[in-house]
Full PDB file with SEQRES, HELIX, SHEET, SSBOND, CRYST1, ORIGX, SCALE, CONECT and MASTER records, all heavy atoms in Angstrom:
SEQRES   1 A   35  LEU TYR VAL LEU THR THR ALA GLU PRO ALA GLU GLY GLU          
SEQRES   2 A   35  THR GLY ALA VAL HIS ARG ILE VAL PRO PRO GLU SER ALA          
SEQRES   3 A   35  ASN GLN ALA SER ALA ASN ALA SER ALA                          
HELIX    1 AA1 PRO A    9  GLU A   11  5                                   3    
HELIX    2 AA2 GLU A   24  SER A   34  1                                  11    
SHEET    1 AA1 2 TYR A   2  THR A   5  0                                        
SHEET    2 AA1 2 ALA A  16  ARG A  19 -1                                        
CRYST1    1.000    1.000    1.000  90.00  90.00  90.00 P 1           1          
ORIGX1      1.000000  0.000000  0.000000        0.00000                         
ORIGX2      0.000000  1.000000  0.000000        0.00000                         
ORIGX3      0.000000  0.000000  1.000000        0.00000                         
SCALE1      1.000000  0.000000  0.000000        0.00000                         
SCALE2      0.000000  1.000000  0.000000        0.00000                         
SCALE3      0.000000  0.000000  1.000000        0.00000                         
ATOM      1  N   LEU A   1       5.100   0.225 -10.001  1.00  0.00           N  
ATOM      2  CA  LEU A   1       3.722   0.037 -10.430  1.00  0.00           C  
ATOM      3  C   LEU A   1       2.758   0.805  -9.531  1.00  0.00           C  
ATOM      4  O   LEU A   1       2.991   0.972  -8.333  1.00  0.00           O  
ATOM      5  CB  LEU A   1       3.353  -1.441 -10.423  1.00  0.00           C  
ATOM      6  CG  LEU A   1       4.121  -2.336 -11.384  1.00  0.00           C  
ATOM      7  CD1 LEU A   1       3.531  -3.746 -11.374  1.00  0.00           C  
ATOM      8  CD2 LEU A   1       4.102  -1.774 -12.793  1.00  0.00           C  
ATOM      9  N   TYR A   2       1.647   1.233 -10.145  1.00  0.00           N  
ATOM     10  CA  TYR A   2       0.610   1.994  -9.459  1.00  0.00           C  
ATOM     11  C   TYR A   2      -0.737   1.326  -9.723  1.00  0.00           C  
ATOM     12  O   TYR A   2      -0.962   0.737 -10.783  1.00  0.00           O  
ATOM     13  CB  TYR A   2       0.580   3.434  -9.967  1.00  0.00           C  
ATOM     14  CG  TYR A   2       1.864   4.189  -9.682  1.00  0.00           C  
ATOM     15  CD1 TYR A   2       3.009   3.947 -10.451  1.00  0.00           C  
ATOM     16  CD2 TYR A   2       1.939   5.111  -8.652  1.00  0.00           C  
ATOM     17  CE1 TYR A   2       4.198   4.622 -10.188  1.00  0.00           C  
ATOM     18  CE2 TYR A   2       3.130   5.791  -8.382  1.00  0.00           C  
ATOM     19  CZ  TYR A   2       4.250   5.535  -9.154  1.00  0.00           C  
ATOM     20  OH  TYR A   2       5.430   6.192  -8.886  1.00  0.00           O  
ATOM     21  N   VAL A   3      -1.649   1.447  -8.758  1.00  0.00           N  
ATOM     22  CA  VAL A   3      -2.995   0.910  -8.907  1.00  0.00           C  
ATOM     23  C   VAL A   3      -3.978   2.061  -8.746  1.00  0.00           C  
ATOM     24  O   VAL A   3      -3.923   2.800  -7.750  1.00  0.00           O  
ATOM     25  CB  VAL A   3      -3.294  -0.177  -7.864  1.00  0.00           C  
ATOM     26  CG1 VAL A   3      -4.656  -0.818  -8.148  1.00  0.00           C  
ATOM     27  CG2 VAL A   3      -2.210  -1.240  -7.856  1.00  0.00           C  
ATOM     28  N   LEU A   4      -4.870   2.229  -9.724  1.00  0.00           N  
ATOM     29  CA  LEU A   4      -5.863   3.288  -9.693  1.00  0.00           C  
ATOM     30  C   LEU A   4      -7.208   2.686  -9.315  1.00  0.00           C  
ATOM     31  O   LEU A   4      -7.644   1.693  -9.917  1.00  0.00           O  
ATOM     32  CB  LEU A   4      -5.963   3.980 -11.055  1.00  0.00           C  
ATOM     33  CG  LEU A   4      -4.870   5.003 -11.394  1.00  0.00           C  
ATOM     34  CD1 LEU A   4      -3.482   4.366 -11.448  1.00  0.00           C  
ATOM     35  CD2 LEU A   4      -5.168   5.690 -12.730  1.00  0.00           C  
ATOM     36  N   THR A   5      -7.856   3.278  -8.319  1.00  0.00           N  
ATOM     37  CA  THR A   5      -9.097   2.710  -7.795  1.00  0.00           C  
ATOM     38  C   THR A   5     -10.177   3.779  -7.721  1.00  0.00           C  
ATOM     39  O   THR A   5      -9.907   4.979  -7.723  1.00  0.00           O  
ATOM     40  CB  THR A   5      -8.890   2.122  -6.385  1.00  0.00           C  
ATOM     41  OG1 THR A   5      -8.501   3.170  -5.477  1.00  0.00           O  
ATOM     42  CG2 THR A   5      -7.824   1.048  -6.388  1.00  0.00           C  
ATOM     43  N   THR A   6     -11.416   3.329  -7.613  1.00  0.00           N  
ATOM     44  CA  THR A   6     -12.539   4.202  -7.322  1.00  0.00           C  
ATOM     45  C   THR A   6     -13.310   3.586  -6.174  1.00  0.00           C  
ATOM     46  O   THR A   6     -13.235   2.379  -5.931  1.00  0.00           O  
ATOM     47  CB  THR A   6     -13.444   4.396  -8.547  1.00  0.00           C  
ATOM     48  OG1 THR A   6     -14.392   5.437  -8.289  1.00  0.00           O  
ATOM     49  CG2 THR A   6     -14.200   3.132  -8.900  1.00  0.00           C  
ATOM     50  N   ALA A   7     -14.049   4.416  -5.448  1.00  0.00           N  
ATOM     51  CA  ALA A   7     -14.812   3.921  -4.298  1.00  0.00           C  
ATOM     52  C   ALA A   7     -16.293   4.172  -4.535  1.00  0.00           C  
ATOM     53  O   ALA A   7     -16.756   4.144  -5.674  1.00  0.00           O  
ATOM     54  CB  ALA A   7     -14.313   4.582  -3.015  1.00  0.00           C  
ATOM     55  N   GLU A   8     -17.035   4.458  -3.477  1.00  0.00           N  
ATOM     56  CA  GLU A   8     -18.478   4.634  -3.589  1.00  0.00           C  
ATOM     57  C   GLU A   8     -18.815   6.121  -3.596  1.00  0.00           C  
ATOM     58  O   GLU A   8     -18.755   6.784  -2.566  1.00  0.00           O  
ATOM     59  CB  GLU A   8     -19.195   3.959  -2.410  1.00  0.00           C  
ATOM     60  CG  GLU A   8     -18.984   2.451  -2.336  1.00  0.00           C  
ATOM     61  CD  GLU A   8     -19.687   1.699  -3.444  1.00  0.00           C  
ATOM     62  OE1 GLU A   8     -20.386   2.339  -4.248  1.00  0.00           O  
ATOM     63  OE2 GLU A   8     -19.540   0.477  -3.506  1.00  0.00           O  
ATOM     64  N   PRO A   9     -19.178   6.693  -4.757  1.00  0.00           N  
ATOM     65  CA  PRO A   9     -19.497   8.120  -4.794  1.00  0.00           C  
ATOM     66  C   PRO A   9     -20.684   8.475  -3.912  1.00  0.00           C  
ATOM     67  O   PRO A   9     -20.785   9.600  -3.452  1.00  0.00           O  
ATOM     68  CB  PRO A   9     -19.789   8.381  -6.271  1.00  0.00           C  
ATOM     69  CG  PRO A   9     -20.067   7.063  -6.866  1.00  0.00           C  
ATOM     70  CD  PRO A   9     -19.299   6.060  -6.078  1.00  0.00           C  
ATOM     71  N   ALA A  10     -21.581   7.522  -3.672  1.00  0.00           N  
ATOM     72  CA  ALA A  10     -22.725   7.796  -2.811  1.00  0.00           C  
ATOM     73  C   ALA A  10     -22.275   8.159  -1.404  1.00  0.00           C  
ATOM     74  O   ALA A  10     -22.979   8.825  -0.651  1.00  0.00           O  
ATOM     75  CB  ALA A  10     -23.654   6.583  -2.770  1.00  0.00           C  
ATOM     76  N   GLU A  11     -21.087   7.716  -1.018  1.00  0.00           N  
ATOM     77  CA  GLU A  11     -20.554   8.014   0.304  1.00  0.00           C  
ATOM     78  C   GLU A  11     -19.598   9.199   0.256  1.00  0.00           C  
ATOM     79  O   GLU A  11     -18.869   9.466   1.213  1.00  0.00           O  
ATOM     80  CB  GLU A  11     -19.831   6.781   0.849  1.00  0.00           C  
ATOM     81  CG  GLU A  11     -20.743   5.567   0.983  1.00  0.00           C  
ATOM     82  CD  GLU A  11     -19.972   4.316   1.391  1.00  0.00           C  
ATOM     83  OE1 GLU A  11     -18.752   4.423   1.627  1.00  0.00           O  
ATOM     84  OE2 GLU A  11     -20.600   3.255   1.480  1.00  0.00           O  
ATOM     85  N   GLY A  12     -19.580   9.911  -0.856  1.00  0.00           N  
ATOM     86  CA  GLY A  12     -18.731  11.076  -0.966  1.00  0.00           C  
ATOM     87  C   GLY A  12     -17.276  10.756  -1.246  1.00  0.00           C  
ATOM     88  O   GLY A  12     -16.422  11.644  -1.168  1.00  0.00           O  
ATOM     89  N   GLU A  13     -16.958   9.520  -1.582  1.00  0.00           N  
ATOM     90  CA  GLU A  13     -15.579   9.134  -1.839  1.00  0.00           C  
ATOM     91  C   GLU A  13     -15.292   9.193  -3.340  1.00  0.00           C  
ATOM     92  O   GLU A  13     -16.185   9.085  -4.162  1.00  0.00           O  
ATOM     93  CB  GLU A  13     -15.321   7.724  -1.299  1.00  0.00           C  
ATOM     94  CG  GLU A  13     -15.535   7.603   0.193  1.00  0.00           C  
ATOM     95  CD  GLU A  13     -15.256   6.201   0.698  1.00  0.00           C  
ATOM     96  OE1 GLU A  13     -14.489   5.487   0.045  1.00  0.00           O  
ATOM     97  OE2 GLU A  13     -15.810   5.838   1.744  1.00  0.00           O  
ATOM     98  N   THR A  14     -14.033   9.385  -3.668  1.00  0.00           N  
ATOM     99  CA  THR A  14     -13.653   9.468  -5.075  1.00  0.00           C  
ATOM    100  C   THR A  14     -12.506   8.517  -5.343  1.00  0.00           C  
ATOM    101  O   THR A  14     -12.248   7.599  -4.582  1.00  0.00           O  
ATOM    102  CB  THR A  14     -13.270  10.910  -5.434  1.00  0.00           C  
ATOM    103  OG1 THR A  14     -12.242  11.355  -4.547  1.00  0.00           O  
ATOM    104  CG2 THR A  14     -14.461  11.835  -5.319  1.00  0.00           C  
ATOM    105  N   GLY A  15     -11.802   8.761  -6.444  1.00  0.00           N  
ATOM    106  CA  GLY A  15     -10.748   7.851  -6.840  1.00  0.00           C  
ATOM    107  C   GLY A  15      -9.456   8.071  -6.074  1.00  0.00           C  
ATOM    108  O   GLY A  15      -9.284   9.055  -5.348  1.00  0.00           O  
ATOM    109  N   ALA A  16      -8.540   7.128  -6.253  1.00  0.00           N  
ATOM    110  CA  ALA A  16      -7.244   7.195  -5.585  1.00  0.00           C  
ATOM    111  C   ALA A  16      -6.191   6.537  -6.464  1.00  0.00           C  
ATOM    112  O   ALA A  16      -6.496   5.707  -7.322  1.00  0.00           O  
ATOM    113  CB  ALA A  16      -7.303   6.520  -4.220  1.00  0.00           C  
ATOM    114  N   VAL A  17      -4.944   6.920  -6.233  1.00  0.00           N  
ATOM    115  CA  VAL A  17      -3.801   6.322  -6.916  1.00  0.00           C  
ATOM    116  C   VAL A  17      -2.847   5.810  -5.846  1.00  0.00           C  
ATOM    117  O   VAL A  17      -2.444   6.562  -4.956  1.00  0.00           O  
ATOM    118  CB  VAL A  17      -3.081   7.333  -7.828  1.00  0.00           C  
ATOM    119  CG1 VAL A  17      -1.879   6.677  -8.502  1.00  0.00           C  
ATOM    120  CG2 VAL A  17      -4.047   7.883  -8.879  1.00  0.00           C  
ATOM    121  N   HIS A  18      -2.495   4.534  -5.930  1.00  0.00           N  
ATOM    122  CA  HIS A  18      -1.639   3.899  -4.936  1.00  0.00           C  
ATOM    123  C   HIS A  18      -0.392   3.351  -5.607  1.00  0.00           C  
ATOM    124  O   HIS A  18      -0.466   2.725  -6.664  1.00  0.00           O  
ATOM    125  CB  HIS A  18      -2.357   2.728  -4.251  1.00  0.00           C  
ATOM    126  CG  HIS A  18      -3.760   3.031  -3.828  1.00  0.00           C  
ATOM    127  ND1 HIS A  18      -4.067   3.696  -2.668  1.00  0.00           N  
ATOM    128  CD2 HIS A  18      -4.956   2.743  -4.428  1.00  0.00           C  
ATOM    129  CE1 HIS A  18      -5.387   3.817  -2.555  1.00  0.00           C  
ATOM    130  NE2 HIS A  18      -5.943   3.242  -3.617  1.00  0.00           N  
ATOM    131  N   ARG A  19       0.765   3.561  -4.994  1.00  0.00           N  
ATOM    132  CA  ARG A  19       2.010   2.961  -5.461  1.00  0.00           C  
ATOM    133  C   ARG A  19       2.227   1.642  -4.727  1.00  0.00           C  
ATOM    134  O   ARG A  19       2.013   1.547  -3.522  1.00  0.00           O  
ATOM    135  CB  ARG A  19       3.176   3.914  -5.204  1.00  0.00           C  
ATOM    136  CG  ARG A  19       4.533   3.393  -5.701  1.00  0.00           C  
ATOM    137  CD  ARG A  19       5.661   4.339  -5.300  1.00  0.00           C  
ATOM    138  NE  ARG A  19       5.579   5.606  -6.011  1.00  0.00           N  
ATOM    139  CZ  ARG A  19       5.639   6.800  -5.424  1.00  0.00           C  
ATOM    140  NH1 ARG A  19       5.763   6.898  -4.115  1.00  0.00           N  
ATOM    141  NH2 ARG A  19       5.565   7.899  -6.148  1.00  0.00           N  
ATOM    142  N   ILE A  20       2.653   0.595  -5.457  1.00  0.00           N  
ATOM    143  CA  ILE A  20       2.964  -0.698  -4.838  1.00  0.00           C  
ATOM    144  C   ILE A  20       4.400  -0.643  -4.331  1.00  0.00           C  
ATOM    145  O   ILE A  20       5.334  -0.387  -5.104  1.00  0.00           O  
ATOM    146  CB  ILE A  20       2.783  -1.854  -5.832  1.00  0.00           C  
ATOM    147  CG1 ILE A  20       1.349  -1.871  -6.384  1.00  0.00           C  
ATOM    148  CG2 ILE A  20       3.109  -3.190  -5.177  1.00  0.00           C  
ATOM    149  CD1 ILE A  20       1.127  -2.904  -7.483  1.00  0.00           C  
ATOM    150  N   VAL A  21       4.601  -0.887  -3.039  1.00  0.00           N  
ATOM    151  CA  VAL A  21       5.924  -0.781  -2.426  1.00  0.00           C  
ATOM    152  C   VAL A  21       6.199  -2.043  -1.609  1.00  0.00           C  
ATOM    153  O   VAL A  21       5.294  -2.828  -1.325  1.00  0.00           O  
ATOM    154  CB  VAL A  21       6.023   0.478  -1.534  1.00  0.00           C  
ATOM    155  CG1 VAL A  21       5.866   1.743  -2.365  1.00  0.00           C  
ATOM    156  CG2 VAL A  21       4.976   0.441  -0.423  1.00  0.00           C  
ATOM    157  N   PRO A  22       7.462  -2.250  -1.191  1.00  0.00           N  
ATOM    158  CA  PRO A  22       7.785  -3.447  -0.403  1.00  0.00           C  
ATOM    159  C   PRO A  22       7.076  -3.425   0.941  1.00  0.00           C  
ATOM    160  O   PRO A  22       6.796  -2.360   1.494  1.00  0.00           O  
ATOM    161  CB  PRO A  22       9.309  -3.357  -0.212  1.00  0.00           C  
ATOM    162  CG  PRO A  22       9.783  -2.443  -1.284  1.00  0.00           C  
ATOM    163  CD  PRO A  22       8.667  -1.471  -1.515  1.00  0.00           C  
ATOM    164  N   PRO A  23       6.803  -4.588   1.501  1.00  0.00           N  
ATOM    165  CA  PRO A  23       6.146  -4.650   2.810  1.00  0.00           C  
ATOM    166  C   PRO A  23       7.096  -4.250   3.928  1.00  0.00           C  
ATOM    167  O   PRO A  23       8.300  -4.489   3.847  1.00  0.00           O  
ATOM    168  CB  PRO A  23       5.733  -6.115   2.928  1.00  0.00           C  
ATOM    169  CG  PRO A  23       6.741  -6.842   2.102  1.00  0.00           C  
ATOM    170  CD  PRO A  23       7.058  -5.930   0.946  1.00  0.00           C  
ATOM    171  N   GLU A  24       6.557  -3.654   4.973  1.00  0.00           N  
ATOM    172  CA  GLU A  24       7.366  -3.339   6.141  1.00  0.00           C  
ATOM    173  C   GLU A  24       7.874  -4.606   6.800  1.00  0.00           C  
ATOM    174  O   GLU A  24       8.963  -4.648   7.351  1.00  0.00           O  
ATOM    175  CB  GLU A  24       6.544  -2.528   7.148  1.00  0.00           C  
ATOM    176  CG  GLU A  24       6.266  -1.105   6.711  1.00  0.00           C  
ATOM    177  CD  GLU A  24       7.503  -0.224   6.741  1.00  0.00           C  
ATOM    178  OE1 GLU A  24       8.528  -0.677   7.301  1.00  0.00           O  
ATOM    179  OE2 GLU A  24       7.446   0.887   6.204  1.00  0.00           O  
ATOM    180  N   SER A  25       7.079  -5.667   6.736  1.00  0.00           N  
ATOM    181  CA  SER A  25       7.459  -6.918   7.400  1.00  0.00           C  
ATOM    182  C   SER A  25       8.761  -7.462   6.832  1.00  0.00           C  
ATOM    183  O   SER A  25       9.566  -8.056   7.546  1.00  0.00           O  
ATOM    184  CB  SER A  25       6.351  -7.957   7.243  1.00  0.00           C  
ATOM    185  OG  SER A  25       6.083  -8.205   5.881  1.00  0.00           O  
ATOM    186  N   ALA A  26       9.009  -7.250   5.538  1.00  0.00           N  
ATOM    187  CA  ALA A  26      10.240  -7.761   4.942  1.00  0.00           C  
ATOM    188  C   ALA A  26      11.444  -7.022   5.498  1.00  0.00           C  
ATOM    189  O   ALA A  26      12.473  -7.610   5.824  1.00  0.00           O  
ATOM    190  CB  ALA A  26      10.200  -7.604   3.428  1.00  0.00           C  
ATOM    191  N   ASN A  27      11.322  -5.698   5.620  1.00  0.00           N  
ATOM    192  CA  ASN A  27      12.420  -4.927   6.177  1.00  0.00           C  
ATOM    193  C   ASN A  27      12.699  -5.311   7.624  1.00  0.00           C  
ATOM    194  O   ASN A  27      13.837  -5.441   8.057  1.00  0.00           O  
ATOM    195  CB  ASN A  27      12.096  -3.428   6.100  1.00  0.00           C  
ATOM    196  CG  ASN A  27      11.879  -2.968   4.677  1.00  0.00           C  
ATOM    197  OD1 ASN A  27      12.435  -3.552   3.754  1.00  0.00           O  
ATOM    198  ND2 ASN A  27      11.071  -1.935   4.492  1.00  0.00           N  
ATOM    199  N   GLN A  28      11.606  -5.501   8.397  1.00  0.00           N  
ATOM    200  CA  GLN A  28      11.772  -5.847   9.797  1.00  0.00           C  
ATOM    201  C   GLN A  28      12.369  -7.235   9.950  1.00  0.00           C  
ATOM    202  O   GLN A  28      13.233  -7.470  10.778  1.00  0.00           O  
ATOM    203  CB  GLN A  28      10.415  -5.785  10.518  1.00  0.00           C  
ATOM    204  CG  GLN A  28      10.499  -5.968  12.023  1.00  0.00           C  
ATOM    205  CD  GLN A  28      11.343  -4.881  12.683  1.00  0.00           C  
ATOM    206  OE1 GLN A  28      11.208  -3.713  12.370  1.00  0.00           O  
ATOM    207  NE2 GLN A  28      12.237  -5.279  13.573  1.00  0.00           N  
ATOM    208  N   ALA A  29      11.896  -8.174   9.086  1.00  0.00           N  
ATOM    209  CA  ALA A  29      12.408  -9.542   9.187  1.00  0.00           C  
ATOM    210  C   ALA A  29      13.897  -9.585   8.880  1.00  0.00           C  
ATOM    211  O   ALA A  29      14.668 -10.289   9.533  1.00  0.00           O  
ATOM    212  CB  ALA A  29      11.645 -10.459   8.231  1.00  0.00           C  
ATOM    213  N   SER A  30      14.308  -8.797   7.879  1.00  0.00           N  
ATOM    214  CA  SER A  30      15.712  -8.785   7.521  1.00  0.00           C  
ATOM    215  C   SER A  30      16.556  -8.227   8.652  1.00  0.00           C  
ATOM    216  O   SER A  30      17.618  -8.744   8.986  1.00  0.00           O  
ATOM    217  CB  SER A  30      15.905  -7.948   6.248  1.00  0.00           C  
ATOM    218  OG  SER A  30      17.262  -7.933   5.885  1.00  0.00           O  
ATOM    219  N   ALA A  31      16.061  -7.158   9.292  1.00  0.00           N  
ATOM    220  CA  ALA A  31      16.799  -6.566  10.398  1.00  0.00           C  
ATOM    221  C   ALA A  31      16.878  -7.527  11.570  1.00  0.00           C  
ATOM    222  O   ALA A  31      17.919  -7.685  12.209  1.00  0.00           O  
ATOM    223  CB  ALA A  31      16.126  -5.259  10.821  1.00  0.00           C  
ATOM    224  N   ASN A  32      15.754  -8.194  11.859  1.00  0.00           N  
ATOM    225  CA  ASN A  32      15.737  -9.135  12.976  1.00  0.00           C  
ATOM    226  C   ASN A  32      16.681 -10.298  12.732  1.00  0.00           C  
ATOM    227  O   ASN A  32      17.395 -10.742  13.633  1.00  0.00           O  
ATOM    228  CB  ASN A  32      14.320  -9.676  13.198  1.00  0.00           C  
ATOM    229  CG  ASN A  32      13.396  -8.615  13.740  1.00  0.00           C  
ATOM    230  OD1 ASN A  32      13.858  -7.571  14.218  1.00  0.00           O  
ATOM    231  ND2 ASN A  32      12.094  -8.860  13.659  1.00  0.00           N  
ATOM    232  N   ALA A  33      16.674 -10.796  11.467  1.00  0.00           N  
ATOM    233  CA  ALA A  33      17.511 -11.951  11.163  1.00  0.00           C  
ATOM    234  C   ALA A  33      18.983 -11.592  11.293  1.00  0.00           C  
ATOM    235  O   ALA A  33      19.789 -12.371  11.808  1.00  0.00           O  
ATOM    236  CB  ALA A  33      17.223 -12.447   9.746  1.00  0.00           C  
ATOM    237  N   SER A  34      19.341 -10.389  10.842  1.00  0.00           N  
ATOM    238  CA  SER A  34      20.734  -9.984  10.930  1.00  0.00           C  
ATOM    239  C   SER A  34      21.178  -9.870  12.376  1.00  0.00           C  
ATOM    240  O   SER A  34      22.309 -10.185  12.737  1.00  0.00           O  
ATOM    241  CB  SER A  34      20.924  -8.629  10.231  1.00  0.00           C  
ATOM    242  OG  SER A  34      20.631  -8.755   8.869  1.00  0.00           O  
ATOM    243  N   ALA A  35      20.272  -9.383  13.243  1.00  0.00           N  
ATOM    244  CA  ALA A  35      20.640  -9.201  14.639  1.00  0.00           C  
ATOM    245  C   ALA A  35      20.655 -10.509  15.399  1.00  0.00           C  
ATOM    246  O   ALA A  35      21.457 -10.709  16.309  1.00  0.00           O  
ATOM    247  CB  ALA A  35      19.658  -8.225  15.301  1.00  0.00           C  
TER     248      ALA A  35                                                      
MASTER        0    0    0    2    2    0    0    6  247    1    0    3          
END                                                                             
């Protein structure tokens, strides 16, 4: 899934496209738990 956003053009910002991905915390927690 992707999320398309817009910001404040008055500040010179434009749109963006973001992919939803797993959190880093989940990967770290799994590694810590295994160890």
